Protein backbone atom coordinates (compact mmCIF):
# COMPACT_ATOMS: atom_id res chain seq x y z
CA UNK A 1 0.00 0.00 0.00
CA UNK A 2 1.44 3.39 -1.01
CA UNK A 3 1.15 6.16 1.55
CA UNK A 4 1.52 9.75 0.38
CA UNK A 5 1.72 13.01 2.28
CA UNK A 6 1.26 11.27 5.61
CA UNK A 7 2.97 11.88 8.92
CA UNK A 8 4.37 9.19 11.15
CA UNK A 9 3.56 8.84 14.81
CA UNK A 10 6.10 10.58 17.02
CA UNK A 11 9.09 8.27 17.49
CA UNK A 12 10.00 8.73 21.16
CA UNK A 13 13.24 7.37 22.60
CA UNK A 14 13.28 7.98 26.37
CA UNK A 15 16.86 7.26 27.36
CA UNK A 16 18.59 7.38 30.72
CA UNK A 17 20.48 10.54 29.67
CA UNK A 18 18.46 12.07 26.83
CA UNK A 19 14.90 12.10 25.52
CA UNK A 20 14.87 12.10 21.70
CA UNK A 21 11.85 12.61 19.44
CA UNK A 22 11.38 12.39 15.67
CA UNK A 23 8.41 12.70 13.33
CA UNK A 24 8.69 11.79 9.66
CA UNK A 25 6.68 12.65 6.60
CA UNK A 26 6.52 10.47 3.52
CA UNK A 27 6.30 12.15 0.13
CA UNK A 28 6.44 9.76 -2.81
CA UNK A 29 9.55 7.68 -2.11
CA UNK A 30 11.24 10.21 0.17
CA UNK A 31 11.23 10.17 3.95
CA UNK A 32 11.42 13.70 5.34
CA UNK A 33 12.43 14.60 8.87
CA UNK A 34 9.54 16.87 9.77
CA UNK A 35 10.21 17.30 13.47
CA UNK A 36 13.20 16.73 15.74
CA UNK A 37 13.84 17.43 19.40
CA UNK A 38 16.17 16.41 22.19
CA UNK A 39 16.30 17.22 25.90
CA UNK A 40 18.13 15.88 28.95
CA UNK A 41 16.40 13.21 31.02
CA UNK A 42 15.92 14.33 34.65
CA UNK A 43 18.73 13.09 36.87
CA UNK A 44 17.68 10.04 38.86
CA UNK A 45 14.64 9.25 36.70
CA UNK A 46 16.15 5.87 35.77
CA UNK A 47 18.00 3.22 37.73
CA UNK A 48 19.47 0.18 35.98
CA UNK A 49 17.38 0.97 32.90
CA UNK A 50 14.06 1.19 34.79
CA UNK A 51 11.96 4.29 35.51
CA UNK A 52 12.14 4.99 39.25
CA UNK A 53 11.07 8.66 39.33
CA UNK A 54 8.09 8.94 37.01
CA UNK A 55 6.94 12.34 38.32
CA UNK A 56 10.08 14.22 37.28
CA UNK A 57 10.09 12.39 33.94
CA UNK A 58 6.43 13.26 33.28
CA UNK A 59 7.11 16.94 34.04
CA UNK A 60 10.11 17.10 31.71
CA UNK A 61 8.38 15.16 28.93
CA UNK A 62 5.22 17.30 29.10
CA UNK A 63 7.23 20.51 28.57
CA UNK A 64 9.32 18.87 25.84
CA UNK A 65 6.28 17.59 23.92
CA UNK A 66 4.50 20.94 24.18
CA UNK A 67 7.47 22.67 22.53
CA UNK A 68 7.61 20.20 19.64
CA UNK A 69 5.81 21.15 16.45
CA UNK A 70 4.52 17.73 15.44
CA UNK A 71 1.28 16.54 13.92
CA UNK A 72 -1.23 14.72 16.13
CA UNK A 73 -0.66 13.35 19.62
CA UNK A 74 0.17 9.67 18.98
CA UNK A 75 3.61 8.41 19.89
CA UNK A 76 5.54 5.14 19.68
CA UNK A 77 8.14 4.67 22.40
CA UNK A 78 10.72 1.98 22.94
CA UNK A 79 11.43 -0.07 26.03
CA UNK A 80 15.06 0.05 27.10
CA UNK A 81 16.97 -3.13 26.33
CA UNK A 82 17.46 -3.81 30.06
CA UNK A 83 13.68 -4.26 30.40
CA UNK A 84 13.14 -6.74 27.59
CA UNK A 85 13.72 -10.49 27.44
CA UNK A 86 14.43 -11.70 23.90
CA UNK A 87 14.42 -15.35 22.90
CA UNK A 88 14.84 -16.96 19.50
CA UNK A 89 12.75 -20.13 19.31
CA UNK A 90 12.30 -22.89 16.75
CA UNK A 91 8.90 -24.55 16.35
CA UNK A 92 7.97 -27.59 14.27
CA UNK A 93 5.92 -27.03 11.08
CA UNK A 94 2.45 -25.71 11.91
CA UNK A 95 -0.12 -23.20 10.71
CA UNK A 96 0.00 -19.54 11.72
CA UNK A 97 -3.03 -20.11 13.95
CA UNK A 98 -1.29 -23.00 15.67
CA UNK A 99 1.81 -20.83 16.22
CA UNK A 100 -0.33 -18.32 18.11
CA UNK A 101 -1.82 -21.07 20.26
CA UNK A 102 1.59 -22.60 20.95
CA UNK A 103 3.26 -19.38 22.07
CA UNK A 104 1.59 -19.31 25.49
CA UNK A 105 3.23 -22.63 26.33
CA UNK A 106 6.55 -21.54 24.81
CA UNK A 107 6.57 -18.39 26.97
CA UNK A 108 5.94 -20.44 30.12
CA UNK A 109 8.72 -22.86 29.11
CA UNK A 110 11.40 -20.31 28.20
CA UNK A 111 10.76 -17.37 30.57
CA UNK A 112 10.91 -17.89 34.30
CA UNK A 113 8.32 -15.24 35.19
CA UNK A 114 4.61 -15.93 35.86
CA UNK A 115 2.60 -15.42 32.68
CA UNK A 116 0.14 -13.05 34.38
CA UNK A 117 3.04 -10.68 35.17
CA UNK A 118 4.21 -10.52 31.56
CA UNK A 119 3.27 -8.88 28.29
CA UNK A 120 4.74 -10.67 25.31
CA UNK A 121 4.73 -10.54 21.53
CA UNK A 122 6.43 -12.54 18.83
CA UNK A 123 7.56 -12.20 15.24
CA UNK A 124 8.00 -15.14 12.83
CA UNK A 125 11.44 -14.73 11.25
CA UNK A 126 10.52 -17.14 8.49
CA UNK A 127 7.40 -18.99 7.48
CA UNK A 128 7.32 -21.70 4.85
CA UNK A 129 4.65 -24.37 4.96
CA UNK A 130 6.08 -27.71 5.99
CA UNK A 131 9.34 -26.27 7.40
CA UNK A 132 10.59 -25.46 10.90
CA UNK A 133 9.60 -21.95 12.02
CA UNK A 134 12.00 -19.51 13.68
CA UNK A 135 10.31 -17.14 16.14
CA UNK A 136 11.63 -14.01 17.86
CA UNK A 137 9.89 -13.75 21.23
CA UNK A 138 9.92 -10.51 23.22
CA UNK A 139 8.60 -10.34 26.78
CA UNK A 140 8.50 -7.52 29.31
CA UNK A 141 7.12 -7.04 32.80
CA UNK A 142 3.54 -5.78 32.79
CA UNK A 143 4.56 -3.29 35.48
CA UNK A 144 7.22 -1.75 33.22
CA UNK A 145 4.69 -1.32 30.41
CA UNK A 146 2.17 0.29 32.76
CA UNK A 147 4.75 2.86 33.92
CA UNK A 148 5.72 3.82 30.35
CA UNK A 149 2.08 4.19 29.36
CA UNK A 150 1.32 6.34 32.40
CA UNK A 151 4.31 8.60 31.74
CA UNK A 152 3.28 9.15 28.11
CA UNK A 153 -0.41 9.70 28.84
CA UNK A 154 0.20 12.17 31.68
CA UNK A 155 2.66 14.05 29.46
CA UNK A 156 -0.13 14.60 26.92
CA UNK A 157 0.63 11.79 24.47
CA UNK A 158 -1.43 8.87 23.23
CA UNK A 159 0.78 5.73 23.40
CA UNK A 160 0.10 4.09 20.03
CA UNK A 161 2.64 1.34 20.77
CA UNK A 162 5.63 0.32 22.85
CA UNK A 163 8.40 -1.40 20.94
CA UNK A 164 11.63 -3.25 21.52
CA UNK A 165 14.67 -1.08 20.82
CA UNK A 166 16.44 -3.84 18.87
CA UNK A 167 13.57 -4.13 16.40
CA UNK A 168 13.24 -0.36 16.04
CA UNK A 169 16.91 -0.08 15.10
CA UNK A 170 16.89 -2.98 12.65
CA UNK A 171 13.78 -1.57 10.94
CA UNK A 172 15.94 1.16 9.40
CA UNK A 173 18.35 -1.27 7.73
CA UNK A 174 16.44 -1.79 4.45
CA UNK A 175 16.66 1.95 3.89
CA UNK A 176 20.37 2.11 4.72
CA UNK A 177 21.08 -0.79 2.39
CA UNK A 178 18.65 0.64 -0.19
CA UNK A 179 17.06 -2.79 -0.48
CA UNK A 180 13.65 -3.64 -1.82
CA UNK A 181 11.70 -6.75 -0.95
CA UNK A 182 13.30 -9.85 -2.40
CA UNK A 183 16.77 -8.37 -2.89
CA UNK A 184 19.76 -9.90 -1.11
CA UNK A 185 21.53 -8.71 2.04
CA UNK A 186 25.01 -9.48 3.34
CA UNK A 187 25.18 -13.00 4.80
CA UNK A 188 26.34 -11.67 8.18
CA UNK A 189 26.24 -8.10 9.46
CA UNK A 190 26.52 -6.44 12.88
CA UNK A 191 24.56 -3.56 14.38
CA UNK A 192 26.16 -1.97 17.45
CA UNK A 193 24.23 0.46 19.66
CA UNK A 194 26.67 2.03 22.16
CA UNK A 195 24.66 3.45 25.05
CA UNK A 196 25.92 5.23 28.15
CA UNK A 197 25.84 2.24 30.49
CA UNK A 198 25.65 -0.72 28.10
CA UNK A 199 25.90 -1.66 24.45
CA UNK A 200 23.33 -3.54 22.40
CA UNK A 201 24.82 -5.87 19.80
CA UNK A 202 22.71 -7.45 17.06
CA UNK A 203 23.92 -9.97 14.50
CA UNK A 204 21.87 -10.18 11.31
CA UNK A 205 21.90 -13.07 8.87
CA UNK A 206 20.77 -12.19 5.33
CA UNK A 207 19.04 -9.10 6.74
CA UNK A 208 17.09 -10.98 9.43
CA UNK A 209 17.59 -10.90 13.18
CA UNK A 210 19.79 -13.80 14.28
CA UNK A 211 21.30 -12.98 17.68
CA UNK A 212 21.30 -10.23 20.29
CA UNK A 213 23.29 -9.58 23.44
CA UNK A 214 23.58 -6.69 25.90
CA UNK A 215 27.23 -5.90 26.64
CA UNK A 216 28.09 -4.48 30.05
CA UNK A 217 30.46 -1.84 28.58
CA UNK A 218 29.08 1.51 27.42
CA UNK A 219 30.38 4.98 26.65
CA UNK A 220 30.55 5.88 30.35
CA UNK A 221 33.16 3.17 30.96
CA UNK A 222 35.27 4.26 27.99
CA UNK A 223 35.12 7.99 28.77
CA UNK A 224 35.75 7.49 32.50
CA UNK A 225 38.85 5.42 31.74
CA UNK A 226 40.23 8.20 29.56
CA UNK A 227 39.27 10.90 32.10
CA UNK A 228 41.00 9.03 34.94
CA UNK A 229 44.09 8.28 32.86
CA UNK A 230 44.58 11.87 31.74
CA UNK A 231 43.24 13.57 34.86
CA UNK A 232 40.75 15.67 32.88
CA UNK A 233 37.17 16.65 33.70
CA UNK A 234 33.98 15.42 32.02
CA UNK A 235 33.59 18.86 30.42
CA UNK A 236 37.07 18.59 28.91
CA UNK A 237 36.51 15.06 27.63
CA UNK A 238 33.16 16.02 26.09
CA UNK A 239 34.84 18.97 24.36
CA UNK A 240 37.30 16.55 22.78
CA UNK A 241 34.38 14.31 21.78
CA UNK A 242 32.63 17.23 20.06
CA UNK A 243 35.83 18.26 18.29
CA UNK A 244 36.49 14.69 17.15
CA UNK A 245 39.81 14.57 19.01
CA UNK A 246 39.13 11.71 21.45
CA UNK A 247 41.00 8.99 19.57
CA UNK A 248 43.92 11.35 18.94
CA UNK A 249 44.80 11.09 22.64
CA UNK A 250 47.72 8.74 23.17
CA UNK A 251 46.51 5.47 24.64
CA UNK A 252 42.80 6.24 24.10
CA UNK A 253 42.33 3.19 21.89
CA UNK A 254 43.79 0.89 24.54
CA UNK A 255 41.45 2.38 27.16
CA UNK A 256 38.50 1.66 24.86
CA UNK A 257 39.58 -1.97 24.44
CA UNK A 258 37.10 -3.39 27.02
CA UNK A 259 34.34 -2.73 24.48
CA UNK A 260 36.23 -4.42 21.64
CA UNK A 261 36.98 -7.39 23.91
CA UNK A 262 33.30 -7.78 24.85
CA UNK A 263 32.32 -7.68 21.17
CA UNK A 264 34.95 -10.30 20.29
CA UNK A 265 33.78 -12.61 23.10
CA UNK A 266 30.24 -12.34 21.79
CA UNK A 267 31.38 -13.12 18.24
CA UNK A 268 33.24 -16.18 19.55
CA UNK A 269 30.14 -17.35 21.41
CA UNK A 270 27.95 -16.87 18.35
CA UNK A 271 30.44 -18.85 16.25
CA UNK A 272 30.26 -21.67 18.80
CA UNK A 273 26.44 -21.61 18.80
CA UNK A 274 26.36 -21.73 15.01
CA UNK A 275 28.85 -24.65 15.00
CA UNK A 276 30.91 -22.92 12.33
CA UNK A 277 34.67 -22.56 11.96
CA UNK A 278 34.56 -18.99 10.65
CA UNK A 279 32.07 -16.24 9.82
CA UNK A 280 32.92 -13.51 7.32
CA UNK A 281 31.18 -10.37 8.58
CA UNK A 282 30.61 -7.89 5.76
CA UNK A 283 30.33 -4.87 7.98
CA UNK A 284 29.21 -3.18 11.19
CA UNK A 285 26.94 -0.18 11.64
CA UNK A 286 27.57 1.87 14.81
CA UNK A 287 24.95 3.97 16.55
CA UNK A 288 24.53 5.52 19.98
CA UNK A 289 26.02 8.44 21.88
CA UNK A 290 29.66 8.08 20.82
CA UNK A 291 29.15 6.74 17.30
CA UNK A 292 29.70 10.25 15.96
CA UNK A 293 33.18 10.53 17.44
CA UNK A 294 35.74 10.89 14.70
CA UNK A 295 37.92 7.79 14.56
CA UNK A 296 35.67 5.31 16.38
CA UNK A 297 34.82 3.54 13.13
CA UNK A 298 38.46 3.09 12.12
CA UNK A 299 39.37 1.95 15.64
CA UNK A 300 36.64 -0.72 15.69
CA UNK A 301 37.53 -1.78 12.13
CA UNK A 302 41.14 -2.29 13.18
CA UNK A 303 40.39 -3.92 16.56
CA UNK A 304 37.90 -6.46 15.15
CA UNK A 305 39.02 -6.71 11.52
CA UNK A 306 35.45 -5.91 10.44
CA UNK A 307 34.60 -2.82 8.31
CA UNK A 308 32.71 -0.36 10.55
CA UNK A 309 30.86 2.84 9.79
CA UNK A 310 28.53 5.20 11.69
CA UNK A 311 24.80 4.71 11.16
CA UNK A 312 23.90 8.23 10.06
CA UNK A 313 20.12 8.72 9.67
CA UNK A 314 20.70 11.85 7.60
CA UNK A 315 21.92 9.53 4.83
CA UNK A 316 18.41 8.13 4.40
CA UNK A 317 16.30 11.15 5.32
CA UNK A 318 15.71 14.55 3.84
CA UNK A 319 15.38 17.35 6.37
CA UNK A 320 12.43 19.76 6.34
CA UNK A 321 13.71 23.27 5.68
CA UNK A 322 11.39 24.60 8.38
CA UNK A 323 13.01 22.65 11.22
CA UNK A 324 14.36 25.34 13.58
CA UNK A 325 16.97 23.02 15.09
CA UNK A 326 18.88 22.04 11.94
CA UNK A 327 22.27 22.98 13.41
CA UNK A 328 21.56 20.97 16.56
CA UNK A 329 20.53 18.03 14.38
CA UNK A 330 23.78 18.12 12.40
CA UNK A 331 25.75 18.00 15.66
CA UNK A 332 23.68 15.24 17.28
CA UNK A 333 22.45 12.96 14.47
CA UNK A 334 24.01 9.91 16.17
CA UNK A 335 21.47 10.08 19.02
CA UNK A 336 18.28 9.67 16.96
CA UNK A 337 18.53 6.30 15.17
CA UNK A 338 16.17 4.55 17.57
CA UNK A 339 13.59 7.35 17.30
CA UNK A 340 13.84 7.21 13.48
CA UNK A 341 13.28 3.44 13.56
CA UNK A 342 10.22 3.90 15.77
CA UNK A 343 8.77 6.52 13.40
CA UNK A 344 9.44 4.32 10.35
CA UNK A 345 7.14 1.67 11.78
CA UNK A 346 4.21 3.21 9.96
CA UNK A 347 5.88 2.43 6.63
CA UNK A 348 7.62 -0.81 7.53
CA UNK A 349 6.44 -2.41 4.29
CA UNK A 350 6.96 0.67 2.12
CA UNK A 351 9.40 -1.24 -0.10
CA UNK A 352 7.09 -4.19 -0.70
Foldseek 3Di string as FASTA:
>chain_A
DDDAQDKFAWQWEDDQFKIKIWMWTDHGNAIATEWIDMDTAPPPQDDQQAGDDLVSRLVVLLVRVVPIPDPDFEYEYERDPSFKDKDKDKDFADDPVVVVVCVVVVCVVPPVDDPVQKDKDKDWLDDDHRGIIIIIIMMGGPVRVVSVCVSSVSSRHHYPYYHHLVQLLLLCVCLVVVHFPPDWDPQWEWEWAAEQQWIKIFIDGRSTTDDIDIGRDHPVQLLVLVCVVVVHDPVVSVVCQLVLNQVVDPCSLVSVCVVLVSVVVVVVVVCVVVVHPDDQYAEYEYAYDRLPRHPPQVSSCVSPVHRYHYDFVCVRHHYDPPHPCVVVCVSGRRHCSSSVSRRCPVCSNVRD
